[in-house]
Amino acid sequence: MPCLVDLHGSATTLGLYYTAFGAGSLLGGLATGYLRRWPLWPITIGIVVGFGGAMLPLGLDVPVGLSLPAFTLAGLLWAPYRSTSMALFQRSTTTARLPHALAANGAVVVLAVPLGTMLGGPLMAAMGARHTLLLCAAATIALGGVAAGLARLPRRPSSTGGDPAGAGPAPEPQPRPDDPVSVGTA
């Protein structure tokens, strides 16, 4: 049976980290609505890179007084991610292709959580918690860097000849028979 080692952590400290992340997430969630006019690609990529950067202090040997505010910042930055990524999916594909894109995204997300957990256990056993957090923070920043590089690539026109996302030009609005303005003009 393996020997358990007390690393002098406490439930109070762990609770402080959860509270800090939750408080940051609450503020980030409230601020999400103000991002609607900002460009989605840079915001979403910035969230990923910023989150990785905010997680770095947890992987480094910094005091709780520095890592706790960093974890609050991580929560603040991460909160808008789901909304901005969903808006990107909706803007980047046609209505007909959207269910397929969202289903593929859902399949990846559903698999990513257990896969990350499955890989995290052996990594923590081999490297320790701090080094595993440091590796994850660095990998998150690198992933954001790759996304930033890919976002700068020129877009190819779709096979339909429309815009790069395949949506084409916006259709002209059609008058509705029950619209008082359009009655008698059709």
N, C-alpha and C. Protein backbone atom coordinates (compact mmCIF):
# COMPACT_ATOMS: atom_id res chain seq x y z
N MET A 1 0.85 -1.18 0.00
CA MET A 1 0.00 0.00 0.00
C MET A 1 0.90 1.25 0.00
N PRO A 2 0.64 2.20 -0.90
CA PRO A 2 1.49 3.39 -0.97
C PRO A 2 1.35 4.25 0.28
N CYS A 3 2.39 4.92 0.61
CA CYS A 3 2.41 5.81 1.77
C CYS A 3 1.81 7.16 1.36
N LEU A 4 0.88 7.65 2.16
CA LEU A 4 0.28 8.95 1.88
C LEU A 4 1.14 10.04 2.51
N VAL A 5 1.38 11.10 1.77
CA VAL A 5 2.21 12.19 2.24
C VAL A 5 1.36 13.44 2.38
N ASP A 6 1.40 14.07 3.55
CA ASP A 6 0.69 15.32 3.77
C ASP A 6 1.55 16.46 3.23
N LEU A 7 1.08 17.16 2.24
CA LEU A 7 1.82 18.26 1.64
C LEU A 7 1.49 19.58 2.32
N HIS A 8 0.93 19.51 3.51
CA HIS A 8 0.59 20.68 4.30
C HIS A 8 -0.45 21.56 3.60
N GLY A 9 -1.23 20.97 2.75
CA GLY A 9 -2.34 21.70 2.15
C GLY A 9 -3.52 21.64 3.11
N SER A 10 -4.47 22.47 2.90
CA SER A 10 -5.64 22.44 3.77
C SER A 10 -6.90 22.56 2.94
N ALA A 11 -7.97 22.09 3.55
CA ALA A 11 -9.27 22.21 2.89
C ALA A 11 -9.64 23.68 2.74
N THR A 12 -9.21 24.50 3.67
CA THR A 12 -9.50 25.94 3.61
C THR A 12 -8.83 26.57 2.39
N THR A 13 -7.57 26.21 2.16
CA THR A 13 -6.86 26.76 1.00
C THR A 13 -7.52 26.30 -0.30
N LEU A 14 -7.87 25.02 -0.35
CA LEU A 14 -8.55 24.51 -1.54
C LEU A 14 -9.88 25.24 -1.75
N GLY A 15 -10.60 25.47 -0.66
CA GLY A 15 -11.86 26.20 -0.74
C GLY A 15 -11.66 27.63 -1.23
N LEU A 16 -10.56 28.25 -0.81
CA LEU A 16 -10.26 29.60 -1.28
C LEU A 16 -10.03 29.61 -2.79
N TYR A 17 -9.34 28.60 -3.31
CA TYR A 17 -9.11 28.53 -4.75
C TYR A 17 -10.43 28.35 -5.50
N TYR A 18 -11.29 27.46 -5.02
CA TYR A 18 -12.59 27.28 -5.67
C TYR A 18 -13.41 28.57 -5.62
N THR A 19 -13.39 29.25 -4.47
CA THR A 19 -14.13 30.50 -4.34
C THR A 19 -13.57 31.57 -5.26
N ALA A 20 -12.25 31.65 -5.35
CA ALA A 20 -11.62 32.65 -6.21
C ALA A 20 -11.98 32.41 -7.68
N PHE A 21 -11.91 31.16 -8.11
CA PHE A 21 -12.26 30.85 -9.50
C PHE A 21 -13.74 31.15 -9.74
N GLY A 22 -14.58 30.77 -8.79
CA GLY A 22 -16.02 31.03 -8.93
C GLY A 22 -16.34 32.51 -8.99
N ALA A 23 -15.68 33.30 -8.14
CA ALA A 23 -15.90 34.75 -8.16
C ALA A 23 -15.46 35.35 -9.50
N GLY A 24 -14.29 34.91 -9.98
CA GLY A 24 -13.83 35.38 -11.28
C GLY A 24 -14.78 34.98 -12.39
N SER A 25 -15.28 33.75 -12.33
CA SER A 25 -16.22 33.27 -13.35
C SER A 25 -17.52 34.05 -13.33
N LEU A 26 -17.99 34.37 -12.13
CA LEU A 26 -19.22 35.15 -12.02
C LEU A 26 -19.03 36.51 -12.68
N LEU A 27 -17.94 37.18 -12.37
CA LEU A 27 -17.68 38.49 -12.99
C LEU A 27 -17.50 38.36 -14.50
N GLY A 28 -16.78 37.32 -14.93
CA GLY A 28 -16.60 37.10 -16.37
C GLY A 28 -17.91 36.80 -17.07
N GLY A 29 -18.78 36.05 -16.41
CA GLY A 29 -20.09 35.77 -16.99
C GLY A 29 -20.93 37.02 -17.14
N LEU A 30 -20.86 37.88 -16.13
CA LEU A 30 -21.60 39.14 -16.22
C LEU A 30 -21.04 40.05 -17.30
N ALA A 31 -19.75 39.99 -17.53
CA ALA A 31 -19.11 40.84 -18.54
C ALA A 31 -19.27 40.30 -19.96
N THR A 32 -19.67 39.05 -20.10
CA THR A 32 -19.75 38.42 -21.42
C THR A 32 -20.66 39.19 -22.37
N GLY A 33 -21.77 39.68 -21.90
CA GLY A 33 -22.70 40.41 -22.76
C GLY A 33 -22.11 41.66 -23.37
N TYR A 34 -21.11 42.23 -22.72
CA TYR A 34 -20.47 43.43 -23.24
C TYR A 34 -19.48 43.13 -24.36
N LEU A 35 -19.21 41.85 -24.60
CA LEU A 35 -18.25 41.48 -25.64
C LEU A 35 -18.92 41.29 -27.01
N ARG A 36 -20.21 41.43 -27.09
CA ARG A 36 -20.92 41.08 -28.32
C ARG A 36 -20.50 41.89 -29.54
N ARG A 37 -19.99 43.08 -29.34
CA ARG A 37 -19.57 43.90 -30.49
C ARG A 37 -18.09 43.75 -30.79
N TRP A 38 -17.38 42.99 -30.00
CA TRP A 38 -15.95 42.79 -30.20
C TRP A 38 -15.74 41.67 -31.21
N PRO A 39 -14.65 41.66 -31.94
CA PRO A 39 -14.39 40.58 -32.90
C PRO A 39 -14.18 39.24 -32.18
N LEU A 40 -14.91 38.22 -32.61
CA LEU A 40 -14.95 36.96 -31.87
C LEU A 40 -13.65 36.16 -31.93
N TRP A 41 -13.01 36.11 -33.10
CA TRP A 41 -11.78 35.31 -33.18
C TRP A 41 -10.72 35.81 -32.22
N PRO A 42 -10.37 37.09 -32.24
CA PRO A 42 -9.34 37.54 -31.29
C PRO A 42 -9.75 37.37 -29.83
N ILE A 43 -11.02 37.59 -29.53
CA ILE A 43 -11.49 37.42 -28.14
C ILE A 43 -11.34 35.97 -27.71
N THR A 44 -11.79 35.04 -28.53
CA THR A 44 -11.76 33.62 -28.16
C THR A 44 -10.32 33.13 -28.03
N ILE A 45 -9.47 33.51 -28.96
CA ILE A 45 -8.07 33.11 -28.88
C ILE A 45 -7.40 33.78 -27.68
N GLY A 46 -7.73 35.03 -27.43
CA GLY A 46 -7.20 35.73 -26.27
C GLY A 46 -7.62 35.07 -24.95
N ILE A 47 -8.84 34.56 -24.90
CA ILE A 47 -9.31 33.84 -23.72
C ILE A 47 -8.43 32.62 -23.47
N VAL A 48 -8.16 31.86 -24.51
CA VAL A 48 -7.35 30.64 -24.36
C VAL A 48 -5.94 30.99 -23.89
N VAL A 49 -5.30 31.94 -24.55
CA VAL A 49 -3.93 32.32 -24.18
C VAL A 49 -3.91 32.95 -22.78
N GLY A 50 -4.86 33.82 -22.49
CA GLY A 50 -4.93 34.46 -21.18
C GLY A 50 -5.19 33.46 -20.07
N PHE A 51 -6.05 32.49 -20.33
CA PHE A 51 -6.33 31.47 -19.32
C PHE A 51 -5.06 30.66 -19.03
N GLY A 52 -4.36 30.27 -20.09
CA GLY A 52 -3.10 29.54 -19.88
C GLY A 52 -2.11 30.37 -19.09
N GLY A 53 -2.00 31.65 -19.41
CA GLY A 53 -1.09 32.54 -18.69
C GLY A 53 -1.50 32.70 -17.23
N ALA A 54 -2.80 32.78 -16.96
CA ALA A 54 -3.27 32.92 -15.59
C ALA A 54 -3.04 31.64 -14.79
N MET A 55 -2.96 30.51 -15.46
CA MET A 55 -2.73 29.24 -14.78
C MET A 55 -1.25 28.99 -14.49
N LEU A 56 -0.36 29.73 -15.15
CA LEU A 56 1.08 29.53 -14.93
C LEU A 56 1.50 29.63 -13.47
N PRO A 57 1.02 30.63 -12.71
CA PRO A 57 1.46 30.72 -11.31
C PRO A 57 1.12 29.48 -10.48
N LEU A 58 0.05 28.76 -10.84
CA LEU A 58 -0.28 27.56 -10.10
C LEU A 58 0.74 26.45 -10.36
N GLY A 59 1.38 26.48 -11.51
CA GLY A 59 2.40 25.49 -11.82
C GLY A 59 3.78 25.91 -11.38
N LEU A 60 3.94 27.15 -11.00
CA LEU A 60 5.22 27.65 -10.52
C LEU A 60 5.17 27.68 -8.99
N ASP A 61 6.29 27.79 -8.39
CA ASP A 61 6.35 27.79 -6.93
C ASP A 61 6.17 29.22 -6.41
N VAL A 62 4.96 29.74 -6.58
CA VAL A 62 4.67 31.09 -6.10
C VAL A 62 3.76 31.00 -4.87
N PRO A 63 3.80 32.00 -4.01
CA PRO A 63 2.95 31.96 -2.82
C PRO A 63 1.47 32.06 -3.17
N VAL A 64 0.66 31.60 -2.25
CA VAL A 64 -0.79 31.60 -2.43
C VAL A 64 -1.29 33.02 -2.69
N GLY A 65 -0.64 34.02 -2.09
CA GLY A 65 -1.05 35.40 -2.29
C GLY A 65 -0.95 35.86 -3.74
N LEU A 66 -0.13 35.18 -4.55
CA LEU A 66 -0.03 35.49 -5.98
C LEU A 66 -0.84 34.51 -6.84
N SER A 67 -0.85 33.25 -6.46
CA SER A 67 -1.55 32.26 -7.28
C SER A 67 -3.07 32.36 -7.14
N LEU A 68 -3.54 32.80 -5.97
CA LEU A 68 -4.99 32.95 -5.78
C LEU A 68 -5.59 34.03 -6.68
N PRO A 69 -5.01 35.24 -6.76
CA PRO A 69 -5.54 36.22 -7.71
C PRO A 69 -5.40 35.76 -9.17
N ALA A 70 -4.33 35.00 -9.46
CA ALA A 70 -4.18 34.48 -10.82
C ALA A 70 -5.31 33.50 -11.15
N PHE A 71 -5.72 32.71 -10.18
CA PHE A 71 -6.80 31.76 -10.40
C PHE A 71 -8.13 32.49 -10.54
N THR A 72 -8.28 33.61 -9.84
CA THR A 72 -9.46 34.46 -10.02
C THR A 72 -9.50 35.01 -11.45
N LEU A 73 -8.34 35.45 -11.93
CA LEU A 73 -8.24 35.94 -13.30
C LEU A 73 -8.56 34.83 -14.30
N ALA A 74 -8.11 33.61 -14.01
CA ALA A 74 -8.42 32.47 -14.89
C ALA A 74 -9.93 32.28 -15.00
N GLY A 75 -10.63 32.37 -13.88
CA GLY A 75 -12.09 32.25 -13.91
C GLY A 75 -12.74 33.38 -14.69
N LEU A 76 -12.25 34.58 -14.48
CA LEU A 76 -12.77 35.75 -15.19
C LEU A 76 -12.61 35.60 -16.70
N LEU A 77 -11.44 35.12 -17.12
CA LEU A 77 -11.18 34.97 -18.55
C LEU A 77 -11.94 33.79 -19.16
N TRP A 78 -12.08 32.73 -18.43
CA TRP A 78 -12.67 31.52 -19.00
C TRP A 78 -14.18 31.62 -19.16
N ALA A 79 -14.84 32.38 -18.33
CA ALA A 79 -16.31 32.44 -18.35
C ALA A 79 -16.90 32.74 -19.72
N PRO A 80 -16.38 33.69 -20.49
CA PRO A 80 -16.99 33.98 -21.80
C PRO A 80 -16.66 32.98 -22.90
N TYR A 81 -15.78 32.01 -22.64
CA TYR A 81 -15.31 31.13 -23.71
C TYR A 81 -16.45 30.37 -24.40
N ARG A 82 -17.31 29.77 -23.64
CA ARG A 82 -18.39 28.96 -24.23
C ARG A 82 -19.27 29.83 -25.13
N SER A 83 -19.61 31.01 -24.67
CA SER A 83 -20.48 31.90 -25.47
C SER A 83 -19.79 32.35 -26.75
N THR A 84 -18.52 32.76 -26.65
CA THR A 84 -17.84 33.25 -27.85
C THR A 84 -17.58 32.12 -28.84
N SER A 85 -17.27 30.93 -28.34
CA SER A 85 -17.02 29.82 -29.27
C SER A 85 -18.32 29.39 -29.96
N MET A 86 -19.44 29.40 -29.23
CA MET A 86 -20.72 29.06 -29.86
C MET A 86 -21.10 30.10 -30.91
N ALA A 87 -20.87 31.37 -30.61
CA ALA A 87 -21.16 32.43 -31.59
C ALA A 87 -20.28 32.26 -32.83
N LEU A 88 -19.04 31.82 -32.63
CA LEU A 88 -18.17 31.57 -33.78
C LEU A 88 -18.71 30.44 -34.65
N PHE A 89 -19.17 29.38 -34.02
CA PHE A 89 -19.76 28.28 -34.80
C PHE A 89 -20.95 28.79 -35.60
N GLN A 90 -21.80 29.57 -34.97
CA GLN A 90 -23.00 30.06 -35.65
C GLN A 90 -22.67 31.00 -36.80
N ARG A 91 -21.61 31.78 -36.66
CA ARG A 91 -21.24 32.73 -37.72
C ARG A 91 -20.38 32.10 -38.81
N SER A 92 -19.77 30.96 -38.52
CA SER A 92 -18.80 30.39 -39.45
C SER A 92 -19.34 29.29 -40.34
N THR A 93 -20.59 28.96 -40.22
CA THR A 93 -21.14 27.89 -41.05
C THR A 93 -22.56 28.25 -41.48
N THR A 94 -23.03 27.54 -42.45
CA THR A 94 -24.39 27.77 -42.93
C THR A 94 -25.39 27.16 -41.96
N THR A 95 -26.62 27.57 -42.09
CA THR A 95 -27.68 27.02 -41.24
C THR A 95 -27.80 25.52 -41.44
N ALA A 96 -27.65 25.07 -42.68
CA ALA A 96 -27.77 23.63 -42.97
C ALA A 96 -26.63 22.83 -42.34
N ARG A 97 -25.44 23.42 -42.25
CA ARG A 97 -24.29 22.70 -41.72
C ARG A 97 -24.11 22.87 -40.21
N LEU A 98 -24.81 23.80 -39.62
CA LEU A 98 -24.64 24.10 -38.20
C LEU A 98 -24.89 22.90 -37.29
N PRO A 99 -25.97 22.13 -37.47
CA PRO A 99 -26.16 20.97 -36.59
C PRO A 99 -24.99 19.98 -36.65
N HIS A 100 -24.42 19.79 -37.83
CA HIS A 100 -23.29 18.88 -37.96
C HIS A 100 -22.05 19.42 -37.25
N ALA A 101 -21.82 20.73 -37.40
CA ALA A 101 -20.67 21.35 -36.74
C ALA A 101 -20.82 21.30 -35.22
N LEU A 102 -22.01 21.57 -34.72
CA LEU A 102 -22.23 21.53 -33.28
C LEU A 102 -22.17 20.10 -32.74
N ALA A 103 -22.64 19.13 -33.53
CA ALA A 103 -22.54 17.73 -33.11
C ALA A 103 -21.07 17.28 -33.04
N ALA A 104 -20.29 17.68 -34.02
CA ALA A 104 -18.86 17.34 -34.00
C ALA A 104 -18.17 18.01 -32.81
N ASN A 105 -18.49 19.26 -32.55
CA ASN A 105 -17.93 19.96 -31.39
C ASN A 105 -18.33 19.25 -30.10
N GLY A 106 -19.59 18.88 -29.99
CA GLY A 106 -20.06 18.18 -28.80
C GLY A 106 -19.34 16.85 -28.59
N ALA A 107 -19.10 16.12 -29.67
CA ALA A 107 -18.40 14.84 -29.56
C ALA A 107 -16.97 15.05 -29.06
N VAL A 108 -16.31 16.08 -29.56
CA VAL A 108 -14.94 16.36 -29.12
C VAL A 108 -14.93 16.76 -27.65
N VAL A 109 -15.86 17.63 -27.25
CA VAL A 109 -15.91 18.09 -25.86
C VAL A 109 -16.24 16.93 -24.92
N VAL A 110 -17.18 16.08 -25.30
CA VAL A 110 -17.56 14.95 -24.47
C VAL A 110 -16.38 13.99 -24.28
N LEU A 111 -15.55 13.84 -25.30
CA LEU A 111 -14.39 12.95 -25.20
C LEU A 111 -13.21 13.62 -24.52
N ALA A 112 -13.10 14.94 -24.64
CA ALA A 112 -11.93 15.64 -24.12
C ALA A 112 -11.85 15.59 -22.60
N VAL A 113 -12.97 15.70 -21.92
CA VAL A 113 -12.95 15.73 -20.46
C VAL A 113 -12.46 14.39 -19.88
N PRO A 114 -13.04 13.26 -20.26
CA PRO A 114 -12.52 12.00 -19.70
C PRO A 114 -11.10 11.69 -20.19
N LEU A 115 -10.77 12.09 -21.41
CA LEU A 115 -9.42 11.84 -21.90
C LEU A 115 -8.40 12.67 -21.10
N GLY A 116 -8.73 13.93 -20.83
CA GLY A 116 -7.85 14.76 -20.02
C GLY A 116 -7.70 14.21 -18.61
N THR A 117 -8.79 13.73 -18.05
CA THR A 117 -8.74 13.13 -16.71
C THR A 117 -7.89 11.86 -16.73
N MET A 118 -8.08 11.07 -17.77
CA MET A 118 -7.33 9.82 -17.89
C MET A 118 -5.83 10.08 -18.03
N LEU A 119 -5.46 11.12 -18.77
CA LEU A 119 -4.05 11.45 -18.94
C LEU A 119 -3.49 12.21 -17.73
N GLY A 120 -4.34 12.98 -17.07
CA GLY A 120 -3.89 13.78 -15.93
C GLY A 120 -3.43 12.96 -14.75
N GLY A 121 -4.09 11.85 -14.49
CA GLY A 121 -3.71 10.99 -13.36
C GLY A 121 -2.28 10.48 -13.47
N PRO A 122 -1.94 9.81 -14.58
CA PRO A 122 -0.55 9.35 -14.72
C PRO A 122 0.47 10.49 -14.77
N LEU A 123 0.09 11.63 -15.39
CA LEU A 123 1.00 12.77 -15.41
C LEU A 123 1.27 13.27 -14.00
N MET A 124 0.24 13.36 -13.18
CA MET A 124 0.43 13.82 -11.81
C MET A 124 1.26 12.83 -11.01
N ALA A 125 1.04 11.54 -11.25
CA ALA A 125 1.83 10.54 -10.54
C ALA A 125 3.30 10.60 -10.96
N ALA A 126 3.54 10.86 -12.23
CA ALA A 126 4.92 10.88 -12.74
C ALA A 126 5.63 12.20 -12.47
N MET A 127 4.91 13.33 -12.58
CA MET A 127 5.55 14.65 -12.53
C MET A 127 5.22 15.45 -11.28
N GLY A 128 4.15 15.12 -10.60
CA GLY A 128 3.68 15.92 -9.49
C GLY A 128 2.67 16.95 -9.96
N ALA A 129 1.91 17.48 -9.00
CA ALA A 129 0.82 18.39 -9.34
C ALA A 129 1.31 19.69 -9.95
N ARG A 130 2.33 20.30 -9.37
CA ARG A 130 2.82 21.59 -9.88
C ARG A 130 3.33 21.48 -11.31
N HIS A 131 4.13 20.47 -11.57
CA HIS A 131 4.68 20.32 -12.92
C HIS A 131 3.59 19.97 -13.93
N THR A 132 2.58 19.20 -13.50
CA THR A 132 1.46 18.89 -14.39
C THR A 132 0.68 20.16 -14.71
N LEU A 133 0.43 21.00 -13.71
CA LEU A 133 -0.27 22.27 -13.96
C LEU A 133 0.56 23.18 -14.86
N LEU A 134 1.86 23.19 -14.65
CA LEU A 134 2.74 24.00 -15.49
C LEU A 134 2.70 23.51 -16.94
N LEU A 135 2.75 22.20 -17.13
CA LEU A 135 2.66 21.62 -18.48
C LEU A 135 1.33 21.97 -19.13
N CYS A 136 0.24 21.84 -18.38
CA CYS A 136 -1.09 22.15 -18.94
C CYS A 136 -1.22 23.63 -19.29
N ALA A 137 -0.68 24.52 -18.44
CA ALA A 137 -0.73 25.95 -18.73
C ALA A 137 0.07 26.26 -19.99
N ALA A 138 1.27 25.67 -20.10
CA ALA A 138 2.10 25.91 -21.29
C ALA A 138 1.43 25.35 -22.54
N ALA A 139 0.82 24.17 -22.43
CA ALA A 139 0.13 23.57 -23.58
C ALA A 139 -1.06 24.42 -24.01
N THR A 140 -1.78 25.00 -23.04
CA THR A 140 -2.92 25.86 -23.35
C THR A 140 -2.45 27.12 -24.09
N ILE A 141 -1.37 27.71 -23.62
CA ILE A 141 -0.81 28.89 -24.30
C ILE A 141 -0.37 28.52 -25.71
N ALA A 142 0.29 27.37 -25.85
CA ALA A 142 0.74 26.92 -27.18
C ALA A 142 -0.45 26.69 -28.11
N LEU A 143 -1.50 26.08 -27.59
CA LEU A 143 -2.70 25.85 -28.41
C LEU A 143 -3.30 27.17 -28.87
N GLY A 144 -3.33 28.16 -27.98
CA GLY A 144 -3.82 29.49 -28.36
C GLY A 144 -2.93 30.12 -29.42
N GLY A 145 -1.61 29.90 -29.31
CA GLY A 145 -0.69 30.41 -30.33
C GLY A 145 -0.92 29.77 -31.68
N VAL A 146 -1.17 28.46 -31.69
CA VAL A 146 -1.47 27.77 -32.95
C VAL A 146 -2.76 28.31 -33.54
N ALA A 147 -3.78 28.50 -32.70
CA ALA A 147 -5.06 29.05 -33.18
C ALA A 147 -4.86 30.45 -33.75
N ALA A 148 -4.03 31.26 -33.09
CA ALA A 148 -3.77 32.61 -33.60
C ALA A 148 -3.09 32.54 -34.96
N GLY A 149 -2.15 31.62 -35.11
CA GLY A 149 -1.47 31.46 -36.40
C GLY A 149 -2.43 31.00 -37.49
N LEU A 150 -3.31 30.06 -37.15
CA LEU A 150 -4.28 29.57 -38.13
C LEU A 150 -5.32 30.64 -38.48
N ALA A 151 -5.67 31.47 -37.53
CA ALA A 151 -6.66 32.53 -37.79
C ALA A 151 -6.12 33.57 -38.76
N ARG A 152 -4.80 33.69 -38.84
CA ARG A 152 -4.20 34.67 -39.75
C ARG A 152 -4.05 34.15 -41.17
N LEU A 153 -4.23 32.85 -41.37
CA LEU A 153 -4.11 32.28 -42.72
C LEU A 153 -5.24 32.81 -43.59
N PRO A 154 -4.96 33.03 -44.88
CA PRO A 154 -6.04 33.48 -45.76
C PRO A 154 -7.10 32.39 -45.90
N ARG A 155 -8.32 32.80 -45.98
CA ARG A 155 -9.44 31.85 -46.10
C ARG A 155 -9.66 31.53 -47.57
N ARG A 156 -9.94 30.26 -47.81
CA ARG A 156 -10.27 29.83 -49.18
C ARG A 156 -11.76 29.98 -49.41
N PRO A 157 -12.15 30.39 -50.60
CA PRO A 157 -13.59 30.44 -50.90
C PRO A 157 -14.17 29.04 -50.88
N SER A 158 -15.42 28.95 -50.47
CA SER A 158 -16.07 27.65 -50.43
C SER A 158 -16.45 27.21 -51.83
N SER A 159 -16.84 25.95 -51.94
CA SER A 159 -17.22 25.42 -53.25
C SER A 159 -18.50 26.06 -53.77
N THR A 160 -19.25 26.72 -52.89
CA THR A 160 -20.48 27.37 -53.33
C THR A 160 -20.21 28.74 -53.91
N GLY A 161 -18.95 29.20 -53.79
CA GLY A 161 -18.60 30.49 -54.36
C GLY A 161 -18.90 31.66 -53.45
N GLY A 162 -19.42 31.38 -52.25
CA GLY A 162 -19.74 32.45 -51.32
C GLY A 162 -18.54 32.83 -50.49
N ASP A 163 -18.81 33.32 -49.30
CA ASP A 163 -17.73 33.71 -48.41
C ASP A 163 -17.00 32.47 -47.89
N PRO A 164 -15.86 32.64 -47.20
CA PRO A 164 -15.08 31.50 -46.77
C PRO A 164 -15.83 30.54 -45.87
N ALA A 165 -16.80 31.01 -45.12
CA ALA A 165 -17.55 30.13 -44.24
C ALA A 165 -18.64 29.39 -45.00
N GLY A 166 -18.85 29.73 -46.24
CA GLY A 166 -19.86 29.04 -47.05
C GLY A 166 -21.25 29.62 -46.90
N ALA A 167 -21.38 30.73 -46.20
CA ALA A 167 -22.71 31.27 -45.97
C ALA A 167 -23.20 32.10 -47.14
N GLY A 168 -22.28 32.61 -47.95
CA GLY A 168 -22.68 33.43 -49.08
C GLY A 168 -23.22 34.77 -48.61
N PRO A 169 -23.66 35.60 -49.55
CA PRO A 169 -24.20 36.90 -49.16
C PRO A 169 -25.52 36.74 -48.40
N ALA A 170 -25.81 37.70 -47.56
CA ALA A 170 -27.05 37.64 -46.79
C ALA A 170 -28.23 37.77 -47.74
N PRO A 171 -29.27 36.94 -47.54
CA PRO A 171 -30.44 37.02 -48.43
C PRO A 171 -31.21 38.30 -48.16
N GLU A 172 -31.88 38.78 -49.21
CA GLU A 172 -32.71 39.97 -49.09
C GLU A 172 -33.91 39.62 -48.22
N PRO A 173 -34.27 40.49 -47.30
CA PRO A 173 -35.45 40.20 -46.47
C PRO A 173 -36.71 40.19 -47.32
N GLN A 174 -37.55 39.22 -47.08
CA GLN A 174 -38.80 39.10 -47.81
C GLN A 174 -39.93 39.71 -46.98
N PRO A 175 -40.83 40.47 -47.60
CA PRO A 175 -41.93 41.03 -46.83
C PRO A 175 -42.84 39.92 -46.32
N ARG A 176 -43.33 40.12 -45.11
CA ARG A 176 -44.26 39.16 -44.52
C ARG A 176 -45.68 39.67 -44.73
N PRO A 177 -46.61 38.78 -45.01
CA PRO A 177 -47.99 39.23 -45.24
C PRO A 177 -48.62 39.88 -44.01
N ASP A 178 -48.17 39.51 -42.81
CA ASP A 178 -48.79 40.07 -41.60
C ASP A 178 -48.08 41.34 -41.13
N ASP A 179 -47.05 41.77 -41.84
CA ASP A 179 -46.30 42.98 -41.48
C ASP A 179 -47.07 44.18 -42.05
N PRO A 180 -47.51 45.11 -41.18
CA PRO A 180 -48.31 46.24 -41.67
C PRO A 180 -47.58 47.12 -42.69
N VAL A 181 -46.26 47.17 -42.61
CA VAL A 181 -45.49 47.99 -43.52
C VAL A 181 -45.50 47.37 -44.92
N SER A 182 -45.47 46.04 -44.99
CA SER A 182 -45.36 45.39 -46.29
C SER A 182 -46.71 45.04 -46.90
N VAL A 183 -47.80 45.19 -46.18
CA VAL A 183 -49.09 44.88 -46.73
C VAL A 183 -49.39 45.86 -47.86
N GLY A 184 -49.75 45.30 -48.98
CA GLY A 184 -50.10 46.10 -50.13
C GLY A 184 -48.90 46.53 -50.97
N THR A 185 -47.67 46.18 -50.53
CA THR A 185 -46.50 46.54 -51.32
C THR A 185 -45.96 45.36 -52.10
N ALA A 186 -46.45 44.19 -51.81
CA ALA A 186 -45.91 42.99 -52.48
C ALA A 186 -46.53 42.80 -53.83
